[in-house]
mmCIF file of all heavy atoms, coordinates in Angstrom:
data_MODEL
# 
_entry.id   MODEL 
# 
loop_
_atom_site.group_PDB 
_atom_site.id 
_atom_site.type_symbol 
_atom_site.label_atom_id 
_atom_site.label_alt_id 
_atom_site.label_comp_id 
_atom_site.label_asym_id 
_atom_site.label_entity_id 
_atom_site.label_seq_id 
_atom_site.pdbx_PDB_ins_code 
_atom_site.Cartn_x 
_atom_site.Cartn_y 
_atom_site.Cartn_z 
_atom_site.occupancy 
_atom_site.B_iso_or_equiv 
_atom_site.pdbx_formal_charge 
_atom_site.auth_seq_id 
_atom_site.auth_comp_id 
_atom_site.auth_asym_id 
_atom_site.auth_atom_id 
_atom_site.pdbx_PDB_model_num 
ATOM 1   N N   . MET A 1 1  ? -43.551 63.665 8.225  1.00 0.00 ? 1  MET A N   1 
ATOM 2   C CA  . MET A 1 1  ? -43.496 65.106 8.279  1.00 0.00 ? 1  MET A CA  1 
ATOM 3   C C   . MET A 1 1  ? -43.850 65.567 9.690  1.00 0.00 ? 1  MET A C   1 
ATOM 4   O O   . MET A 1 1  ? -44.760 65.043 10.307 1.00 0.00 ? 1  MET A O   1 
ATOM 5   C CB  . MET A 1 1  ? -44.504 65.691 7.284  1.00 0.00 ? 1  MET A CB  1 
ATOM 6   C CG  . MET A 1 1  ? -44.677 67.164 7.413  1.00 0.00 ? 1  MET A CG  1 
ATOM 7   S SD  . MET A 1 1  ? -46.005 67.768 6.372  1.00 0.00 ? 1  MET A SD  1 
ATOM 8   C CE  . MET A 1 1  ? -45.101 68.873 5.362  1.00 0.00 ? 1  MET A CE  1 
ATOM 9   N N   . TYR A 1 2  ? -43.074 66.517 10.195 1.00 0.00 ? 2  TYR A N   1 
ATOM 10  C CA  . TYR A 1 2  ? -43.421 67.088 11.490 1.00 0.00 ? 2  TYR A CA  1 
ATOM 11  C C   . TYR A 1 2  ? -43.063 68.569 11.494 1.00 0.00 ? 2  TYR A C   1 
ATOM 12  O O   . TYR A 1 2  ? -42.368 69.066 10.630 1.00 0.00 ? 2  TYR A O   1 
ATOM 13  C CB  . TYR A 1 2  ? -42.743 66.329 12.634 1.00 0.00 ? 2  TYR A CB  1 
ATOM 14  C CG  . TYR A 1 2  ? -41.295 66.635 12.869 1.00 0.00 ? 2  TYR A CG  1 
ATOM 15  C CD1 . TYR A 1 2  ? -40.922 67.490 13.893 1.00 0.00 ? 2  TYR A CD1 1 
ATOM 16  C CD2 . TYR A 1 2  ? -40.297 66.057 12.108 1.00 0.00 ? 2  TYR A CD2 1 
ATOM 17  C CE1 . TYR A 1 2  ? -39.595 67.764 14.138 1.00 0.00 ? 2  TYR A CE1 1 
ATOM 18  C CE2 . TYR A 1 2  ? -38.965 66.319 12.353 1.00 0.00 ? 2  TYR A CE2 1 
ATOM 19  C CZ  . TYR A 1 2  ? -38.621 67.169 13.368 1.00 0.00 ? 2  TYR A CZ  1 
ATOM 20  O OH  . TYR A 1 2  ? -37.310 67.447 13.614 1.00 0.00 ? 2  TYR A OH  1 
ATOM 21  N N   . PHE A 1 3  ? -43.585 69.239 12.502 1.00 0.00 ? 3  PHE A N   1 
ATOM 22  C CA  . PHE A 1 3  ? -43.440 70.684 12.579 1.00 0.00 ? 3  PHE A CA  1 
ATOM 23  C C   . PHE A 1 3  ? -42.746 71.056 13.880 1.00 0.00 ? 3  PHE A C   1 
ATOM 24  O O   . PHE A 1 3  ? -42.867 70.359 14.876 1.00 0.00 ? 3  PHE A O   1 
ATOM 25  C CB  . PHE A 1 3  ? -44.819 71.357 12.528 1.00 0.00 ? 3  PHE A CB  1 
ATOM 26  C CG  . PHE A 1 3  ? -45.620 70.940 11.345 1.00 0.00 ? 3  PHE A CG  1 
ATOM 27  C CD1 . PHE A 1 3  ? -46.515 69.894 11.433 1.00 0.00 ? 3  PHE A CD1 1 
ATOM 28  C CD2 . PHE A 1 3  ? -45.455 71.586 10.136 1.00 0.00 ? 3  PHE A CD2 1 
ATOM 29  C CE1 . PHE A 1 3  ? -47.256 69.491 10.332 1.00 0.00 ? 3  PHE A CE1 1 
ATOM 30  C CE2 . PHE A 1 3  ? -46.188 71.187 9.023  1.00 0.00 ? 3  PHE A CE2 1 
ATOM 31  C CZ  . PHE A 1 3  ? -47.091 70.144 9.123  1.00 0.00 ? 3  PHE A CZ  1 
ATOM 32  N N   . GLU A 1 4  ? -42.045 72.183 13.855 1.00 0.00 ? 4  GLU A N   1 
ATOM 33  C CA  . GLU A 1 4  ? -41.405 72.722 15.046 1.00 0.00 ? 4  GLU A CA  1 
ATOM 34  C C   . GLU A 1 4  ? -41.854 74.166 15.243 1.00 0.00 ? 4  GLU A C   1 
ATOM 35  O O   . GLU A 1 4  ? -42.260 74.828 14.296 1.00 0.00 ? 4  GLU A O   1 
ATOM 36  C CB  . GLU A 1 4  ? -39.883 72.731 14.899 1.00 0.00 ? 4  GLU A CB  1 
ATOM 37  C CG  . GLU A 1 4  ? -39.241 71.379 14.939 1.00 0.00 ? 4  GLU A CG  1 
ATOM 38  C CD  . GLU A 1 4  ? -37.723 71.497 14.872 1.00 0.00 ? 4  GLU A CD  1 
ATOM 39  O OE1 . GLU A 1 4  ? -37.216 72.401 14.175 1.00 0.00 ? 4  GLU A OE1 1 
ATOM 40  O OE2 . GLU A 1 4  ? -37.070 70.696 15.523 1.00 0.00 ? 4  GLU A OE2 1 
ATOM 41  N N   . SER A 1 5  ? -41.732 74.630 16.466 1.00 0.00 ? 5  SER A N   1 
ATOM 42  C CA  . SER A 1 5  ? -41.992 76.026 16.789 1.00 0.00 ? 5  SER A CA  1 
ATOM 43  C C   . SER A 1 5  ? -40.666 76.772 16.751 1.00 0.00 ? 5  SER A C   1 
ATOM 44  O O   . SER A 1 5  ? -39.696 76.361 17.403 1.00 0.00 ? 5  SER A O   1 
ATOM 45  C CB  . SER A 1 5  ? -42.606 76.131 18.185 1.00 0.00 ? 5  SER A CB  1 
ATOM 46  O OG  . SER A 1 5  ? -42.449 77.422 18.704 1.00 0.00 ? 5  SER A OG  1 
ATOM 47  N N   . SER A 1 6  ? -40.618 77.878 16.026 1.00 0.00 ? 6  SER A N   1 
ATOM 48  C CA  . SER A 1 6  ? -39.378 78.658 15.984 1.00 0.00 ? 6  SER A CA  1 
ATOM 49  C C   . SER A 1 6  ? -39.043 79.219 17.365 1.00 0.00 ? 6  SER A C   1 
ATOM 50  O O   . SER A 1 6  ? -37.877 79.350 17.726 1.00 0.00 ? 6  SER A O   1 
ATOM 51  C CB  . SER A 1 6  ? -39.482 79.786 14.960 1.00 0.00 ? 6  SER A CB  1 
ATOM 52  O OG  . SER A 1 6  ? -40.553 80.650 15.270 1.00 0.00 ? 6  SER A OG  1 
ATOM 53  N N   . ARG A 1 7  ? -40.044 79.525 18.142 1.00 0.00 ? 7  ARG A N   1 
ATOM 54  C CA  . ARG A 1 7  ? -39.790 80.042 19.506 1.00 0.00 ? 7  ARG A CA  1 
ATOM 55  C C   . ARG A 1 7  ? -39.210 78.960 20.404 1.00 0.00 ? 7  ARG A C   1 
ATOM 56  O O   . ARG A 1 7  ? -38.259 79.198 21.130 1.00 0.00 ? 7  ARG A O   1 
ATOM 57  C CB  . ARG A 1 7  ? -41.063 80.599 20.119 1.00 0.00 ? 7  ARG A CB  1 
ATOM 58  C CG  . ARG A 1 7  ? -41.454 81.906 19.499 1.00 0.00 ? 7  ARG A CG  1 
ATOM 59  C CD  . ARG A 1 7  ? -42.523 82.543 20.295 1.00 0.00 ? 7  ARG A CD  1 
ATOM 60  N NE  . ARG A 1 7  ? -42.370 83.980 20.160 1.00 0.00 ? 7  ARG A NE  1 
ATOM 61  C CZ  . ARG A 1 7  ? -43.156 84.833 20.714 1.00 0.00 ? 7  ARG A CZ  1 
ATOM 62  N NH1 . ARG A 1 7  ? -44.136 84.413 21.476 1.00 0.00 ? 7  ARG A NH1 1 
ATOM 63  N NH2 . ARG A 1 7  ? -42.970 86.117 20.540 1.00 0.00 ? 7  ARG A NH2 1 
ATOM 64  N N   . LEU A 1 8  ? -39.798 77.764 20.368 1.00 0.00 ? 8  LEU A N   1 
ATOM 65  C CA  . LEU A 1 8  ? -39.270 76.690 21.210 1.00 0.00 ? 8  LEU A CA  1 
ATOM 66  C C   . LEU A 1 8  ? -37.907 76.216 20.719 1.00 0.00 ? 8  LEU A C   1 
ATOM 67  O O   . LEU A 1 8  ? -37.082 75.775 21.506 1.00 0.00 ? 8  LEU A O   1 
ATOM 68  C CB  . LEU A 1 8  ? -40.249 75.511 21.263 1.00 0.00 ? 8  LEU A CB  1 
ATOM 69  C CG  . LEU A 1 8  ? -41.506 75.735 22.089 1.00 0.00 ? 8  LEU A CG  1 
ATOM 70  C CD1 . LEU A 1 8  ? -42.451 74.546 21.952 1.00 0.00 ? 8  LEU A CD1 1 
ATOM 71  C CD2 . LEU A 1 8  ? -41.167 75.966 23.552 1.00 0.00 ? 8  LEU A CD2 1 
ATOM 72  N N   . ARG A 1 9  ? -37.659 76.309 19.425 1.00 0.00 ? 9  ARG A N   1 
ATOM 73  C CA  . ARG A 1 9  ? -36.367 75.915 18.873 1.00 0.00 ? 9  ARG A CA  1 
ATOM 74  C C   . ARG A 1 9  ? -35.241 76.768 19.465 1.00 0.00 ? 9  ARG A C   1 
ATOM 75  O O   . ARG A 1 9  ? -34.111 76.318 19.575 1.00 0.00 ? 9  ARG A O   1 
ATOM 76  C CB  . ARG A 1 9  ? -36.380 76.045 17.348 1.00 0.00 ? 9  ARG A CB  1 
ATOM 77  C CG  . ARG A 1 9  ? -35.229 75.337 16.672 1.00 0.00 ? 9  ARG A CG  1 
ATOM 78  C CD  . ARG A 1 9  ? -35.234 75.434 15.157 1.00 0.00 ? 9  ARG A CD  1 
ATOM 79  N NE  . ARG A 1 9  ? -36.531 75.179 14.563 1.00 0.00 ? 9  ARG A NE  1 
ATOM 80  C CZ  . ARG A 1 9  ? -37.146 76.023 13.726 1.00 0.00 ? 9  ARG A CZ  1 
ATOM 81  N NH1 . ARG A 1 9  ? -36.601 77.166 13.389 1.00 0.00 ? 9  ARG A NH1 1 
ATOM 82  N NH2 . ARG A 1 9  ? -38.322 75.715 13.220 1.00 0.00 ? 9  ARG A NH2 1 
ATOM 83  N N   . SER A 1 10 ? -35.562 77.992 19.879 1.00 0.00 ? 10 SER A N   1 
ATOM 84  C CA  . SER A 1 10 ? -34.536 78.882 20.424 1.00 0.00 ? 10 SER A CA  1 
ATOM 85  C C   . SER A 1 10 ? -34.277 78.655 21.913 1.00 0.00 ? 10 SER A C   1 
ATOM 86  O O   . SER A 1 10 ? -33.353 79.243 22.476 1.00 0.00 ? 10 SER A O   1 
ATOM 87  C CB  . SER A 1 10 ? -34.928 80.339 20.195 1.00 0.00 ? 10 SER A CB  1 
ATOM 88  O OG  . SER A 1 10 ? -36.058 80.680 20.989 1.00 0.00 ? 10 SER A OG  1 
ATOM 89  N N   . VAL A 1 11 ? -35.048 77.800 22.551 1.00 0.00 ? 11 VAL A N   1 
ATOM 90  C CA  . VAL A 1 11 ? -34.870 77.526 23.983 1.00 0.00 ? 11 VAL A CA  1 
ATOM 91  C C   . VAL A 1 11 ? -33.834 76.418 24.152 1.00 0.00 ? 11 VAL A C   1 
ATOM 92  O O   . VAL A 1 11 ? -33.960 75.356 23.549 1.00 0.00 ? 11 VAL A O   1 
ATOM 93  C CB  . VAL A 1 11 ? -36.206 77.113 24.637 1.00 0.00 ? 11 VAL A CB  1 
ATOM 94  C CG1 . VAL A 1 11 ? -36.010 76.775 26.107 1.00 0.00 ? 11 VAL A CG1 1 
ATOM 95  C CG2 . VAL A 1 11 ? -37.243 78.208 24.473 1.00 0.00 ? 11 VAL A CG2 1 
ATOM 96  N N   . PRO A 1 12 ? -32.792 76.663 24.976 1.00 0.00 ? 12 PRO A N   1 
ATOM 97  C CA  . PRO A 1 12 ? -31.750 75.646 25.144 1.00 0.00 ? 12 PRO A CA  1 
ATOM 98  C C   . PRO A 1 12 ? -32.301 74.347 25.737 1.00 0.00 ? 12 PRO A C   1 
ATOM 99  O O   . PRO A 1 12 ? -33.144 74.367 26.617 1.00 0.00 ? 12 PRO A O   1 
ATOM 100 C CB  . PRO A 1 12 ? -30.741 76.296 26.098 1.00 0.00 ? 12 PRO A CB  1 
ATOM 101 C CG  . PRO A 1 12 ? -31.367 77.533 26.615 1.00 0.00 ? 12 PRO A CG  1 
ATOM 102 C CD  . PRO A 1 12 ? -32.568 77.842 25.788 1.00 0.00 ? 12 PRO A CD  1 
ATOM 103 N N   . ASN A 1 13 ? -31.804 73.240 25.229 1.00 0.00 ? 13 ASN A N   1 
ATOM 104 C CA  . ASN A 1 13 ? -32.113 71.891 25.727 1.00 0.00 ? 13 ASN A CA  1 
ATOM 105 C C   . ASN A 1 13 ? -33.560 71.462 25.564 1.00 0.00 ? 13 ASN A C   1 
ATOM 106 O O   . ASN A 1 13 ? -33.994 70.523 26.213 1.00 0.00 ? 13 ASN A O   1 
ATOM 107 C CB  . ASN A 1 13 ? -31.691 71.751 27.193 1.00 0.00 ? 13 ASN A CB  1 
ATOM 108 C CG  . ASN A 1 13 ? -30.227 72.030 27.385 1.00 0.00 ? 13 ASN A CG  1 
ATOM 109 O OD1 . ASN A 1 13 ? -29.390 71.544 26.630 1.00 0.00 ? 13 ASN A OD1 1 
ATOM 110 N ND2 . ASN A 1 13 ? -29.901 72.855 28.366 1.00 0.00 ? 13 ASN A ND2 1 
ATOM 111 N N   . VAL A 1 14 ? -34.338 72.147 24.735 1.00 0.00 ? 14 VAL A N   1 
ATOM 112 C CA  . VAL A 1 14 ? -35.716 71.734 24.493 1.00 0.00 ? 14 VAL A CA  1 
ATOM 113 C C   . VAL A 1 14 ? -35.811 71.180 23.075 1.00 0.00 ? 14 VAL A C   1 
ATOM 114 O O   . VAL A 1 14 ? -35.687 71.907 22.099 1.00 0.00 ? 14 VAL A O   1 
ATOM 115 C CB  . VAL A 1 14 ? -36.713 72.897 24.689 1.00 0.00 ? 14 VAL A CB  1 
ATOM 116 C CG1 . VAL A 1 14 ? -38.119 72.477 24.265 1.00 0.00 ? 14 VAL A CG1 1 
ATOM 117 C CG2 . VAL A 1 14 ? -36.714 73.337 26.140 1.00 0.00 ? 14 VAL A CG2 1 
ATOM 118 N N   . VAL A 1 15 ? -35.992 69.875 22.995 1.00 0.00 ? 15 VAL A N   1 
ATOM 119 C CA  . VAL A 1 15 ? -36.186 69.201 21.718 1.00 0.00 ? 15 VAL A CA  1 
ATOM 120 C C   . VAL A 1 15 ? -37.675 68.937 21.614 1.00 0.00 ? 15 VAL A C   1 
ATOM 121 O O   . VAL A 1 15 ? -38.292 68.407 22.538 1.00 0.00 ? 15 VAL A O   1 
ATOM 122 C CB  . VAL A 1 15 ? -35.399 67.873 21.671 1.00 0.00 ? 15 VAL A CB  1 
ATOM 123 C CG1 . VAL A 1 15 ? -35.630 67.151 20.362 1.00 0.00 ? 15 VAL A CG1 1 
ATOM 124 C CG2 . VAL A 1 15 ? -33.927 68.127 21.908 1.00 0.00 ? 15 VAL A CG2 1 
ATOM 125 N N   . HIS A 1 16 ? -38.283 69.324 20.513 1.00 0.00 ? 16 HIS A N   1 
ATOM 126 C CA  . HIS A 1 16 ? -39.727 69.201 20.413 1.00 0.00 ? 16 HIS A CA  1 
ATOM 127 C C   . HIS A 1 16 ? -40.144 68.962 18.970 1.00 0.00 ? 16 HIS A C   1 
ATOM 128 O O   . HIS A 1 16 ? -39.344 69.106 18.048 1.00 0.00 ? 16 HIS A O   1 
ATOM 129 C CB  . HIS A 1 16 ? -40.411 70.468 20.937 1.00 0.00 ? 16 HIS A CB  1 
ATOM 130 C CG  . HIS A 1 16 ? -40.265 71.605 19.975 1.00 0.00 ? 16 HIS A CG  1 
ATOM 131 N ND1 . HIS A 1 16 ? -39.089 72.287 19.827 1.00 0.00 ? 16 HIS A ND1 1 
ATOM 132 C CD2 . HIS A 1 16 ? -41.132 72.133 19.072 1.00 0.00 ? 16 HIS A CD2 1 
ATOM 133 C CE1 . HIS A 1 16 ? -39.241 73.206 18.891 1.00 0.00 ? 16 HIS A CE1 1 
ATOM 134 N NE2 . HIS A 1 16 ? -40.478 73.137 18.418 1.00 0.00 ? 16 HIS A NE2 1 
ATOM 135 N N   . GLY A 1 17 ? -41.387 68.610 18.805 1.00 0.00 ? 17 GLY A N   1 
ATOM 136 C CA  . GLY A 1 17 ? -41.946 68.454 17.475 1.00 0.00 ? 17 GLY A CA  1 
ATOM 137 C C   . GLY A 1 17 ? -43.435 68.199 17.563 1.00 0.00 ? 17 GLY A C   1 
ATOM 138 O O   . GLY A 1 17 ? -43.931 67.691 18.564 1.00 0.00 ? 17 GLY A O   1 
ATOM 139 N N   . PHE A 1 18 ? -44.142 68.593 16.523 1.00 0.00 ? 18 PHE A N   1 
ATOM 140 C CA  . PHE A 1 18 ? -45.568 68.343 16.415 1.00 0.00 ? 18 PHE A CA  1 
ATOM 141 C C   . PHE A 1 18 ? -45.750 67.294 15.339 1.00 0.00 ? 18 PHE A C   1 
ATOM 142 O O   . PHE A 1 18 ? -45.309 67.485 14.210 1.00 0.00 ? 18 PHE A O   1 
ATOM 143 C CB  . PHE A 1 18 ? -46.319 69.622 16.009 1.00 0.00 ? 18 PHE A CB  1 
ATOM 144 C CG  . PHE A 1 18 ? -46.276 70.704 17.045 1.00 0.00 ? 18 PHE A CG  1 
ATOM 145 C CD1 . PHE A 1 18 ? -45.250 71.627 17.067 1.00 0.00 ? 18 PHE A CD1 1 
ATOM 146 C CD2 . PHE A 1 18 ? -47.269 70.793 18.012 1.00 0.00 ? 18 PHE A CD2 1 
ATOM 147 C CE1 . PHE A 1 18 ? -45.199 72.636 18.016 1.00 0.00 ? 18 PHE A CE1 1 
ATOM 148 C CE2 . PHE A 1 18 ? -47.232 71.799 18.969 1.00 0.00 ? 18 PHE A CE2 1 
ATOM 149 C CZ  . PHE A 1 18 ? -46.200 72.718 18.971 1.00 0.00 ? 18 PHE A CZ  1 
ATOM 150 N N   . GLY A 1 19 ? -46.376 66.198 15.683 1.00 0.00 ? 19 GLY A N   1 
ATOM 151 C CA  . GLY A 1 19 ? -46.612 65.136 14.724 1.00 0.00 ? 19 GLY A CA  1 
ATOM 152 C C   . GLY A 1 19 ? -47.902 65.375 13.955 1.00 0.00 ? 19 GLY A C   1 
ATOM 153 O O   . GLY A 1 19 ? -48.511 66.436 14.025 1.00 0.00 ? 19 GLY A O   1 
ATOM 154 N N   . SER A 1 20 ? -48.307 64.350 13.241 1.00 0.00 ? 20 SER A N   1 
ATOM 155 C CA  . SER A 1 20 ? -49.540 64.410 12.462 1.00 0.00 ? 20 SER A CA  1 
ATOM 156 C C   . SER A 1 20 ? -50.325 63.127 12.714 1.00 0.00 ? 20 SER A C   1 
ATOM 157 O O   . SER A 1 20 ? -49.843 62.214 13.390 1.00 0.00 ? 20 SER A O   1 
ATOM 158 C CB  . SER A 1 20 ? -49.221 64.533 10.976 1.00 0.00 ? 20 SER A CB  1 
ATOM 159 O OG  . SER A 1 20 ? -48.544 63.369 10.538 1.00 0.00 ? 20 SER A OG  1 
ATOM 160 N N   . ARG A 1 21 ? -51.495 63.041 12.154 1.00 0.00 ? 21 ARG A N   1 
ATOM 161 C CA  . ARG A 1 21 ? -52.310 61.835 12.342 1.00 0.00 ? 21 ARG A CA  1 
ATOM 162 C C   . ARG A 1 21 ? -51.578 60.603 11.818 1.00 0.00 ? 21 ARG A C   1 
ATOM 163 O O   . ARG A 1 21 ? -51.582 59.558 12.453 1.00 0.00 ? 21 ARG A O   1 
ATOM 164 C CB  . ARG A 1 21 ? -53.643 62.005 11.629 1.00 0.00 ? 21 ARG A CB  1 
ATOM 165 C CG  . ARG A 1 21 ? -54.551 60.836 11.839 1.00 0.00 ? 21 ARG A CG  1 
ATOM 166 C CD  . ARG A 1 21 ? -55.888 61.065 11.197 1.00 0.00 ? 21 ARG A CD  1 
ATOM 167 N NE  . ARG A 1 21 ? -56.781 59.993 11.578 1.00 0.00 ? 21 ARG A NE  1 
ATOM 168 C CZ  . ARG A 1 21 ? -58.003 59.885 11.144 1.00 0.00 ? 21 ARG A CZ  1 
ATOM 169 N NH1 . ARG A 1 21 ? -58.491 60.779 10.325 1.00 0.00 ? 21 ARG A NH1 1 
ATOM 170 N NH2 . ARG A 1 21 ? -58.758 58.897 11.536 1.00 0.00 ? 21 ARG A NH2 1 
ATOM 171 N N   . SER A 1 22 ? -50.931 60.733 10.665 1.00 0.00 ? 22 SER A N   1 
ATOM 172 C CA  . SER A 1 22 ? -50.241 59.583 10.086 1.00 0.00 ? 22 SER A CA  1 
ATOM 173 C C   . SER A 1 22 ? -48.872 59.332 10.712 1.00 0.00 ? 22 SER A C   1 
ATOM 174 O O   . SER A 1 22 ? -48.337 58.239 10.608 1.00 0.00 ? 22 SER A O   1 
ATOM 175 C CB  . SER A 1 22 ? -50.093 59.764 8.573  1.00 0.00 ? 22 SER A CB  1 
ATOM 176 O OG  . SER A 1 22 ? -49.322 60.920 8.311  1.00 0.00 ? 22 SER A OG  1 
ATOM 177 N N   . ASP A 1 23 ? -48.305 60.312 11.357 1.00 0.00 ? 23 ASP A N   1 
ATOM 178 C CA  . ASP A 1 23 ? -46.989 60.195 11.990 1.00 0.00 ? 23 ASP A CA  1 
ATOM 179 C C   . ASP A 1 23 ? -47.039 60.931 13.331 1.00 0.00 ? 23 ASP A C   1 
ATOM 180 O O   . ASP A 1 23 ? -46.494 62.019 13.486 1.00 0.00 ? 23 ASP A O   1 
ATOM 181 C CB  . ASP A 1 23 ? -45.930 60.819 11.065 1.00 0.00 ? 23 ASP A CB  1 
ATOM 182 C CG  . ASP A 1 23 ? -44.504 60.547 11.520 1.00 0.00 ? 23 ASP A CG  1 
ATOM 183 O OD1 . ASP A 1 23 ? -44.292 59.627 12.336 1.00 0.00 ? 23 ASP A OD1 1 
ATOM 184 O OD2 . ASP A 1 23 ? -43.604 61.261 11.050 1.00 0.00 ? 23 ASP A OD2 1 
ATOM 185 N N   . PRO A 1 24 ? -47.731 60.344 14.342 1.00 0.00 ? 24 PRO A N   1 
ATOM 186 C CA  . PRO A 1 24 ? -47.990 61.082 15.584 1.00 0.00 ? 24 PRO A CA  1 
ATOM 187 C C   . PRO A 1 24 ? -46.752 61.460 16.382 1.00 0.00 ? 24 PRO A C   1 
ATOM 188 O O   . PRO A 1 24 ? -46.734 62.500 17.029 1.00 0.00 ? 24 PRO A O   1 
ATOM 189 C CB  . PRO A 1 24 ? -48.895 60.150 16.385 1.00 0.00 ? 24 PRO A CB  1 
ATOM 190 C CG  . PRO A 1 24 ? -48.790 58.826 15.736 1.00 0.00 ? 24 PRO A CG  1 
ATOM 191 C CD  . PRO A 1 24 ? -48.327 59.028 14.337 1.00 0.00 ? 24 PRO A CD  1 
ATOM 192 N N   . VAL A 1 25 ? -45.726 60.634 16.347 1.00 0.00 ? 25 VAL A N   1 
ATOM 193 C CA  . VAL A 1 25 ? -44.477 60.979 17.029 1.00 0.00 ? 25 VAL A CA  1 
ATOM 194 C C   . VAL A 1 25 ? -43.436 61.215 15.944 1.00 0.00 ? 25 VAL A C   1 
ATOM 195 O O   . VAL A 1 25 ? -43.102 60.309 15.187 1.00 0.00 ? 25 VAL A O   1 
ATOM 196 C CB  . VAL A 1 25 ? -44.014 59.862 17.983 1.00 0.00 ? 25 VAL A CB  1 
ATOM 197 C CG1 . VAL A 1 25 ? -42.694 60.238 18.641 1.00 0.00 ? 25 VAL A CG1 1 
ATOM 198 C CG2 . VAL A 1 25 ? -45.071 59.575 19.038 1.00 0.00 ? 25 VAL A CG2 1 
ATOM 199 N N   . PRO A 1 26 ? -42.931 62.435 15.841 1.00 0.00 ? 26 PRO A N   1 
ATOM 200 C CA  . PRO A 1 26 ? -41.952 62.737 14.804 1.00 0.00 ? 26 PRO A CA  1 
ATOM 201 C C   . PRO A 1 26 ? -40.777 61.753 14.833 1.00 0.00 ? 26 PRO A C   1 
ATOM 202 O O   . PRO A 1 26 ? -40.256 61.425 15.910 1.00 0.00 ? 26 PRO A O   1 
ATOM 203 C CB  . PRO A 1 26 ? -41.499 64.153 15.133 1.00 0.00 ? 26 PRO A CB  1 
ATOM 204 C CG  . PRO A 1 26 ? -42.676 64.743 15.858 1.00 0.00 ? 26 PRO A CG  1 
ATOM 205 C CD  . PRO A 1 26 ? -43.246 63.605 16.655 1.00 0.00 ? 26 PRO A CD  1 
ATOM 206 N N   . THR A 1 27 ? -40.363 61.287 13.690 1.00 0.00 ? 27 THR A N   1 
ATOM 207 C CA  . THR A 1 27 ? -39.309 60.284 13.575 1.00 0.00 ? 27 THR A CA  1 
ATOM 208 C C   . THR A 1 27 ? -38.056 60.618 14.379 1.00 0.00 ? 27 THR A C   1 
ATOM 209 O O   . THR A 1 27 ? -37.532 59.744 15.070 1.00 0.00 ? 27 THR A O   1 
ATOM 210 C CB  . THR A 1 27 ? -38.962 60.050 12.093 1.00 0.00 ? 27 THR A CB  1 
ATOM 211 O OG1 . THR A 1 27 ? -40.163 59.645 11.420 1.00 0.00 ? 27 THR A OG1 1 
ATOM 212 C CG2 . THR A 1 27 ? -37.908 58.977 11.932 1.00 0.00 ? 27 THR A CG2 1 
ATOM 213 N N   . PRO A 1 28 ? -37.554 61.862 14.369 1.00 0.00 ? 28 PRO A N   1 
ATOM 214 C CA  . PRO A 1 28 ? -36.345 62.143 15.161 1.00 0.00 ? 28 PRO A CA  1 
ATOM 215 C C   . PRO A 1 28 ? -36.542 61.963 16.671 1.00 0.00 ? 28 PRO A C   1 
ATOM 216 O O   . PRO A 1 28 ? -35.585 61.828 17.410 1.00 0.00 ? 28 PRO A O   1 
ATOM 217 C CB  . PRO A 1 28 ? -36.036 63.612 14.851 1.00 0.00 ? 28 PRO A CB  1 
ATOM 218 C CG  . PRO A 1 28 ? -36.753 63.913 13.583 1.00 0.00 ? 28 PRO A CG  1 
ATOM 219 C CD  . PRO A 1 28 ? -37.954 63.019 13.568 1.00 0.00 ? 28 PRO A CD  1 
# 
């Protein structure tokens, strides 16, 4: 499971994600 920012999602060419303790780097 990971989270994204709706604001950053709207920025062109910025791929991002917030991981968790059990999954620190989002799978994608």
